Protein backbone atom coordinates (compact mmCIF):
# COMPACT_ATOMS: atom_id res chain seq x y z
CA MET A 1 -241.39 -169.65 -212.08
CA GLN A 2 -242.21 -166.11 -213.16
CA ASN A 3 -242.66 -165.08 -209.54
CA ASP A 4 -239.25 -166.55 -208.68
CA LEU A 5 -237.63 -164.67 -211.55
CA ARG A 6 -239.35 -161.47 -210.49
CA ASN A 7 -238.18 -161.91 -206.88
CA ASP A 8 -234.62 -162.62 -208.01
CA GLN A 9 -234.69 -159.51 -210.19
CA THR A 10 -235.98 -157.39 -207.29
CA PHE A 11 -233.31 -158.82 -205.01
CA ASN A 12 -230.56 -158.05 -207.53
CA GLU A 13 -231.86 -154.50 -207.98
CA MET A 14 -231.85 -153.93 -204.21
CA LYS A 15 -228.36 -155.43 -203.96
CA GLN A 16 -227.13 -153.16 -206.75
CA LEU A 17 -228.78 -150.10 -205.23
CA SER A 18 -227.22 -150.82 -201.85
CA SER A 19 -223.70 -151.09 -203.27
CA LEU A 20 -221.40 -148.16 -202.58
CA SER A 21 -220.21 -147.86 -206.18
CA PHE A 22 -223.77 -147.63 -207.50
CA VAL A 23 -224.74 -145.03 -204.90
CA LEU A 24 -221.72 -142.84 -205.68
CA SER A 25 -222.19 -143.12 -209.44
CA SER A 26 -225.89 -142.29 -209.29
CA LEU A 27 -225.66 -139.32 -206.94
CA PRO A 28 -227.46 -136.17 -208.13
CA LEU A 29 -225.46 -133.04 -208.77
CA SER A 30 -226.52 -131.43 -205.48
CA LYS A 31 -225.09 -134.27 -203.41
CA LYS A 32 -221.90 -134.43 -205.48
CA SER A 33 -221.50 -130.69 -204.87
CA LEU A 34 -221.99 -131.27 -201.13
CA LEU A 35 -219.29 -133.95 -201.16
CA ALA A 36 -216.93 -131.70 -203.13
CA TRP A 37 -217.54 -128.83 -200.71
CA GLY A 38 -216.70 -131.12 -197.80
CA VAL A 39 -213.37 -131.95 -199.43
CA ILE A 40 -212.63 -128.23 -199.99
CA HIS A 41 -213.55 -127.39 -196.38
CA LEU A 42 -211.37 -130.23 -195.09
CA SER A 43 -208.46 -129.06 -197.27
CA LEU A 44 -208.70 -125.59 -195.69
CA GLY A 45 -208.42 -127.13 -192.23
CA ILE A 46 -205.40 -129.23 -193.22
CA ALA A 47 -203.72 -126.19 -194.81
CA LEU A 48 -204.24 -124.19 -191.61
CA TRP A 49 -202.76 -127.05 -189.57
CA VAL A 50 -199.64 -127.10 -191.78
CA LYS A 51 -199.24 -123.34 -191.44
CA GLY A 52 -199.72 -123.61 -187.68
CA GLN A 53 -196.85 -126.10 -187.46
CA TRP A 54 -194.52 -123.69 -189.28
CA THR A 55 -195.53 -120.53 -187.45
CA ASN A 56 -193.97 -119.35 -184.22
CA ASN A 57 -196.64 -118.80 -181.55
CA GLY A 58 -198.87 -120.97 -183.71
CA LEU A 59 -200.66 -122.95 -180.99
CA ALA A 60 -203.86 -120.94 -181.34
CA LEU A 61 -203.76 -121.36 -185.11
CA THR A 62 -203.21 -125.11 -184.74
CA GLY A 63 -206.15 -125.39 -182.36
CA PHE A 64 -208.34 -123.44 -184.76
CA SER A 65 -207.32 -125.76 -187.61
CA TYR A 66 -208.48 -128.76 -185.58
CA LEU A 67 -211.86 -127.07 -185.14
CA VAL A 68 -212.06 -126.36 -188.87
CA ILE A 69 -211.37 -130.04 -189.60
CA PHE A 70 -214.11 -131.00 -187.14
CA ASP A 71 -216.42 -128.54 -188.90
CA ALA A 72 -215.59 -130.06 -192.28
CA MET A 73 -216.30 -133.57 -191.00
CA GLY A 74 -219.76 -132.28 -190.12
CA VAL A 75 -220.31 -131.64 -193.84
CA PHE A 76 -219.56 -135.30 -194.54
CA THR A 77 -222.07 -136.24 -191.83
CA THR A 78 -224.68 -134.15 -193.65
CA PHE A 79 -223.70 -135.88 -196.90
CA ILE A 80 -224.18 -139.33 -195.35
CA SER A 81 -227.55 -138.27 -193.95
CA SER A 82 -228.72 -136.94 -197.32
CA VAL A 83 -227.68 -140.17 -199.08
CA LEU A 84 -229.57 -142.27 -196.53
CA LYS A 85 -232.69 -140.18 -197.11
CA ALA A 86 -232.36 -140.36 -200.89
CA TYR A 87 -231.96 -144.15 -201.14
CA GLU A 88 -234.72 -146.00 -199.34
CA SER A 89 -233.03 -149.38 -199.90
CA LEU A 90 -230.23 -148.31 -197.56
CA ARG A 91 -232.77 -147.95 -194.77
CA LEU A 92 -234.42 -151.33 -195.34
CA SER A 93 -233.92 -154.18 -192.89
CA SER A 94 -231.68 -157.08 -193.87
CA ILE A 95 -229.98 -160.01 -192.19
CA ARG A 96 -226.72 -158.10 -192.05
CA ASN A 97 -228.32 -154.80 -191.00
CA PRO A 98 -231.62 -155.53 -189.20
CA PHE A 99 -232.40 -151.79 -188.85
CA GLY A 100 -230.78 -150.56 -192.05
CA ILE A 101 -227.53 -148.62 -192.04
CA GLN A 102 -228.79 -145.40 -190.44
CA ARG A 103 -226.53 -146.07 -187.47
CA PHE A 104 -223.47 -145.46 -189.64
CA GLU A 105 -224.41 -141.78 -189.53
CA VAL A 106 -224.44 -141.90 -185.72
CA LEU A 107 -221.19 -143.88 -185.65
CA PHE A 108 -219.48 -141.36 -187.94
CA GLY A 109 -220.60 -138.50 -185.71
CA PHE A 110 -219.39 -140.37 -182.61
CA VAL A 111 -215.94 -140.87 -184.15
CA ASN A 112 -215.88 -137.17 -185.04
CA THR A 113 -216.58 -136.17 -181.43
CA LEU A 114 -213.95 -138.62 -180.14
CA TYR A 115 -211.47 -136.92 -182.47
CA LEU A 116 -212.38 -133.56 -180.96
CA LEU A 117 -211.95 -134.91 -177.42
CA PHE A 118 -208.46 -136.25 -178.16
CA VAL A 119 -207.53 -132.97 -179.85
CA ALA A 120 -208.84 -131.03 -176.84
CA LEU A 121 -206.62 -133.05 -174.49
CA TYR A 122 -203.61 -132.50 -176.73
CA MET A 123 -204.21 -128.76 -177.05
CA LEU A 124 -204.74 -128.38 -173.30
CA LYS A 125 -201.48 -130.18 -172.60
CA GLU A 126 -199.54 -128.15 -175.17
CA GLY A 127 -201.05 -124.86 -174.05
CA LEU A 128 -200.28 -125.43 -170.37
CA GLU A 129 -196.78 -126.68 -171.17
CA HIS A 130 -195.92 -123.68 -173.31
CA PHE A 131 -197.61 -121.30 -170.91
CA VAL A 132 -195.58 -122.55 -167.93
CA LEU A 133 -192.25 -123.38 -169.55
CA GLU A 134 -192.33 -120.86 -172.43
CA SER A 135 -190.57 -123.44 -174.59
CA ASN A 136 -191.78 -121.82 -177.79
CA CYS A 137 -189.12 -119.11 -177.44
CA GLU A 138 -186.44 -121.63 -178.42
CA HIS A 139 -187.81 -121.86 -181.97
CA SER A 140 -188.27 -118.15 -182.59
CA ASN A 141 -185.43 -118.05 -185.11
CA ILE A 142 -186.66 -121.02 -187.13
CA HIS A 143 -190.27 -120.35 -187.97
CA SER A 144 -192.23 -117.44 -189.31
CA HIS A 145 -193.81 -114.96 -186.89
CA LYS A 146 -196.84 -114.02 -189.01
CA ILE A 147 -200.29 -115.53 -188.59
CA PRO A 148 -201.90 -116.27 -192.01
CA ILE A 149 -204.87 -114.00 -191.41
CA LEU A 150 -206.21 -114.44 -194.93
CA TRP A 151 -206.38 -118.22 -194.50
CA VAL A 152 -208.17 -117.81 -191.18
CA LEU A 153 -210.74 -115.53 -192.83
CA LEU A 154 -211.25 -118.09 -195.61
CA ALA A 155 -211.83 -120.80 -193.00
CA MET A 156 -214.36 -118.60 -191.19
CA CYS A 157 -216.19 -118.01 -194.47
CA ALA A 158 -216.18 -121.77 -195.08
CA THR A 159 -217.70 -122.26 -191.62
CA LEU A 160 -220.50 -119.82 -192.47
CA ILE A 161 -221.16 -121.49 -195.81
CA SER A 162 -221.29 -124.95 -194.22
CA ALA A 163 -223.56 -123.76 -191.41
CA ILE A 164 -226.00 -121.85 -193.61
CA GLY A 165 -225.92 -123.95 -196.77
CA CYS A 166 -225.26 -127.44 -195.40
CA GLN A 167 -226.48 -127.24 -191.77
CA ASN A 168 -223.52 -129.47 -190.96
CA HIS A 169 -224.09 -129.65 -187.18
CA LYS A 170 -227.87 -129.89 -187.15
CA GLY A 171 -227.82 -133.31 -185.50
CA PHE A 172 -225.22 -132.30 -182.90
CA TYR A 173 -227.20 -129.20 -182.03
CA ALA A 174 -230.34 -131.28 -181.54
CA LEU A 175 -228.45 -133.64 -179.23
CA SER A 176 -227.04 -130.79 -177.15
CA ARG A 177 -230.53 -129.29 -176.80
CA PRO A 178 -232.89 -132.28 -177.01
CA ILE A 179 -236.60 -131.74 -177.59
CA SER A 180 -238.94 -134.09 -175.76
CA PHE A 181 -240.81 -136.82 -177.59
CA ASN A 182 -244.44 -135.71 -177.38
CA GLU A 183 -247.41 -137.93 -177.94
CA GLY A 184 -248.98 -137.29 -181.31
CA SER A 185 -246.05 -135.83 -183.16
CA HIS A 186 -242.72 -134.32 -182.36
CA THR A 187 -239.94 -132.44 -184.06
CA TYR A 188 -236.48 -133.66 -183.22
CA TYR A 189 -234.55 -130.91 -184.96
CA LEU A 190 -235.04 -127.27 -184.21
CA GLN A 191 -236.79 -125.95 -187.30
CA SER A 192 -236.40 -122.38 -188.52
CA ASN A 193 -237.58 -120.46 -191.55
CA TYR A 194 -234.41 -118.38 -191.58
CA ARG A 195 -231.16 -120.18 -192.18
CA LEU A 196 -229.22 -117.19 -190.89
CA SER A 197 -230.56 -117.96 -187.42
CA ILE A 198 -228.33 -121.07 -187.40
CA ILE A 199 -225.33 -118.80 -186.87
CA TYR A 200 -226.44 -117.49 -183.50
CA THR A 201 -228.48 -120.49 -182.33
CA ASN A 202 -225.84 -123.14 -183.03
CA PHE A 203 -223.08 -122.90 -180.42
CA ILE A 204 -220.65 -124.95 -182.53
CA THR A 205 -220.72 -122.42 -185.36
CA MET A 206 -220.45 -119.53 -182.93
CA ALA A 207 -217.47 -121.19 -181.21
CA LEU A 208 -215.60 -121.52 -184.50
CA LEU A 209 -216.26 -117.91 -185.43
CA LEU A 210 -215.16 -116.70 -182.00
CA CYS A 211 -211.99 -118.79 -182.14
CA GLY A 212 -211.20 -117.50 -185.61
CA THR A 213 -211.67 -113.91 -184.42
CA GLY A 214 -209.44 -114.63 -181.43
CA VAL A 215 -206.69 -116.10 -183.62
CA ILE A 216 -206.74 -113.02 -185.87
CA THR A 217 -206.63 -110.69 -182.84
CA VAL A 218 -203.70 -112.57 -181.33
CA GLY A 219 -201.92 -112.53 -184.68
CA LEU A 220 -202.29 -108.75 -185.03
CA LEU A 221 -201.04 -108.17 -181.49
CA LEU A 222 -198.04 -110.44 -182.04
CA GLU A 223 -197.09 -108.49 -185.17
CA LYS A 224 -196.93 -105.32 -183.09
CA SER A 225 -195.07 -106.74 -180.10
CA ARG A 226 -193.51 -110.08 -179.16
CA ASN A 227 -194.47 -109.41 -175.54
CA PHE A 228 -197.95 -110.74 -176.29
CA GLY A 229 -196.68 -114.26 -176.90
CA TRP A 230 -198.50 -115.50 -173.82
CA LEU A 231 -201.80 -114.69 -175.53
CA ASP A 232 -201.16 -117.49 -178.01
CA GLU A 233 -200.94 -120.08 -175.20
CA LEU A 234 -203.98 -118.59 -173.47
CA MET A 235 -205.99 -118.72 -176.68
CA SER A 236 -205.07 -122.38 -177.24
CA ILE A 237 -206.23 -123.23 -173.70
CA LEU A 238 -209.53 -121.45 -174.30
CA GLU A 239 -209.94 -123.38 -177.57
CA SER A 240 -209.40 -126.68 -175.75
CA ILE A 241 -212.06 -125.72 -173.18
CA LEU A 242 -214.50 -124.95 -176.00
CA MET A 243 -213.67 -128.31 -177.60
CA PHE A 244 -214.51 -130.11 -174.36
CA TYR A 245 -217.72 -128.10 -174.02
CA ILE A 246 -218.77 -129.10 -177.54
CA ALA A 247 -217.65 -132.72 -177.59
CA VAL A 248 -218.49 -134.09 -174.12
CA PRO A 249 -222.32 -133.76 -174.18
CA VAL A 250 -222.58 -134.79 -177.84
CA ALA A 251 -220.29 -137.81 -177.39
CA SER A 252 -222.31 -138.85 -174.34
CA ALA A 253 -225.60 -138.60 -176.23
CA LEU A 254 -224.25 -140.47 -179.27
CA GLY A 255 -222.78 -143.15 -177.03
CA LYS A 256 -226.20 -143.73 -175.47
CA ILE A 257 -227.70 -144.12 -178.96
CA LEU A 258 -225.03 -146.66 -179.93
CA LEU A 259 -225.59 -148.54 -176.64
CA GLN A 260 -229.33 -148.67 -177.39
CA THR A 261 -230.41 -146.98 -174.16
CA THR A 262 -233.84 -145.46 -173.76
CA PRO A 263 -233.67 -141.71 -174.52
CA SER A 264 -234.34 -139.62 -171.44
CA THR A 265 -236.60 -137.32 -173.47
CA ALA A 266 -238.95 -140.25 -174.17
CA SER A 267 -238.87 -142.02 -170.80
CA LYS A 268 -241.75 -140.13 -169.18
CA SER A 269 -244.06 -140.44 -172.18
CA LEU A 270 -243.26 -144.13 -172.53
CA ASP A 271 -243.91 -144.81 -168.84
CA ASP A 272 -247.27 -143.04 -169.05
CA CYS A 273 -248.29 -145.04 -172.14
CA LEU A 274 -247.21 -148.36 -170.62
CA ARG A 275 -249.17 -147.67 -167.44
CA GLU A 276 -252.22 -146.85 -169.54
CA ILE A 277 -251.83 -150.09 -171.50
CA LEU A 278 -251.62 -152.13 -168.30
CA LEU A 279 -255.02 -150.75 -167.25
CA HIS A 280 -256.66 -152.62 -170.12
CA PRO A 281 -258.73 -155.49 -168.62
CA THR A 282 -257.49 -158.17 -171.07
CA ILE A 283 -253.76 -157.40 -170.61
CA LEU A 284 -252.02 -159.26 -167.80
CA SER A 285 -248.47 -157.92 -168.00
CA LEU A 286 -245.78 -156.41 -170.24
CA ASN A 287 -242.38 -158.08 -170.60
CA ALA A 288 -239.19 -157.66 -172.64
CA THR A 289 -239.81 -153.94 -173.13
CA HIS A 290 -236.95 -152.21 -174.87
CA PHE A 291 -237.06 -148.73 -176.37
CA TRP A 292 -234.06 -147.07 -177.97
CA GLN A 293 -232.95 -144.81 -180.82
CA ASN A 294 -231.72 -146.27 -184.09
CA SER A 295 -230.56 -142.89 -185.39
CA TYR A 296 -231.23 -139.21 -184.76
CA GLY A 297 -234.82 -139.03 -183.53
CA GLN A 298 -235.82 -142.48 -184.82
CA LEU A 299 -237.30 -144.44 -181.93
CA VAL A 300 -237.39 -148.25 -182.02
CA GLY A 301 -239.35 -150.38 -179.57
CA THR A 302 -240.16 -154.01 -178.81
CA LEU A 303 -242.40 -155.50 -176.13
CA HIS A 304 -244.26 -158.69 -175.24
CA VAL A 305 -247.88 -158.31 -174.18
CA HIS A 306 -249.28 -161.14 -172.01
CA VAL A 307 -253.05 -161.46 -172.38
CA ASN A 308 -255.90 -163.77 -171.45
CA PRO A 309 -256.16 -166.96 -173.55
CA ASP A 310 -259.56 -166.09 -175.02
CA VAL A 311 -258.78 -162.51 -175.99
CA ASN A 312 -258.92 -161.12 -179.54
CA GLU A 313 -255.26 -160.59 -180.52
CA GLN A 314 -256.01 -158.07 -183.26
CA ALA A 315 -258.02 -155.91 -180.88
CA VAL A 316 -255.17 -155.90 -178.35
CA LEU A 317 -252.61 -155.09 -181.04
CA ALA A 318 -254.74 -152.20 -182.29
CA PHE A 319 -255.06 -150.87 -178.73
CA VAL A 320 -251.32 -151.10 -178.00
CA TYR A 321 -250.35 -149.51 -181.31
CA SER A 322 -252.85 -146.70 -180.83
CA ARG A 323 -251.18 -145.79 -177.53
CA LEU A 324 -247.52 -146.20 -178.52
CA SER A 325 -247.29 -145.49 -182.24
CA PRO A 326 -247.54 -141.67 -181.92
CA LEU A 327 -244.23 -141.71 -180.02
CA PHE A 328 -242.53 -143.47 -182.92
CA LEU A 329 -243.46 -140.96 -185.61
CA ASN A 330 -240.79 -138.29 -186.03
CA SER A 331 -240.65 -135.47 -188.57
CA ASN A 332 -239.64 -137.97 -191.29
CA GLY A 333 -242.36 -140.48 -190.45
CA ASN A 334 -239.79 -143.07 -189.36
CA GLY A 335 -239.76 -145.31 -186.31
CA GLU A 336 -240.32 -149.01 -185.67
CA LEU A 337 -242.54 -150.69 -183.09
CA THR A 338 -242.75 -154.48 -182.69
CA VAL A 339 -245.43 -155.97 -180.44
CA GLN A 340 -245.73 -159.68 -179.68
CA ILE A 341 -248.89 -161.10 -178.12
CA VAL A 342 -248.29 -163.92 -175.62
CA LYS A 343 -251.17 -166.04 -174.31
């Protein structure tokens, strides 16, 4: 009876810990500050979008605002990741979530990249349309001609703060430049002792800073002469190309994670290990092998090992785990490997 009561109490505690209201109410100050900063960063992007809609020759500004919103959503991705690391119960297996809820982080990032792809298509269409038809001249008497340079500078500062302080695109950068899974141990994210190096090593941050500089330059030229109106359309087209360059490879990599495909960076190491396992004299064959990523850098694997009827199962399990387990240990010590012995 006491054991049953203790198990029920443990279950209720885990259920309470896994609830969203409990997690939000028990967040430490650092994570609440991260969430608040994400809201501020997102508000800057929305404010720039509103100003872009009411500014003549504001296509470049509108495109930059979409990038700022994408950058702010990266802060929320970092927030989700930090919460998952802080609460172990969220990573535990359950009937509803057999591998925890780490995949929500991947799903949120995938939705963010889909947003950027749709925005890139829209900006490319608008830029080409205005560039060819010059339809923006019809509204020159309605809207303001000035680019809000101060707001653009604030957004660029917010980008720097999010990149240096929050590392908001760390996962995306790792996906765009994957590091191979090495036997023994591997580091999925590019580690650095200097956070300032994120500015020039992360292309997403550099793209936002370059676009912000371009918007300011176009705005200053437009204040001097209205003959530079074509630069606004050209800048919006360049922004859409950058959006495609950022979103396509990341969306492809995240889609493969969600589809549970074997990561290309681990294929060679896995093939070598499986061939080595098959050389064992007591192992007949390997079936139902499936290796995939549950989240950023967390490898999950299952396989059936067919052995001789009189073999020692524990010895075979120890041999298989000794060959495969190093591939499943990332920088956080996570990873799951399930081996079933079949006689």
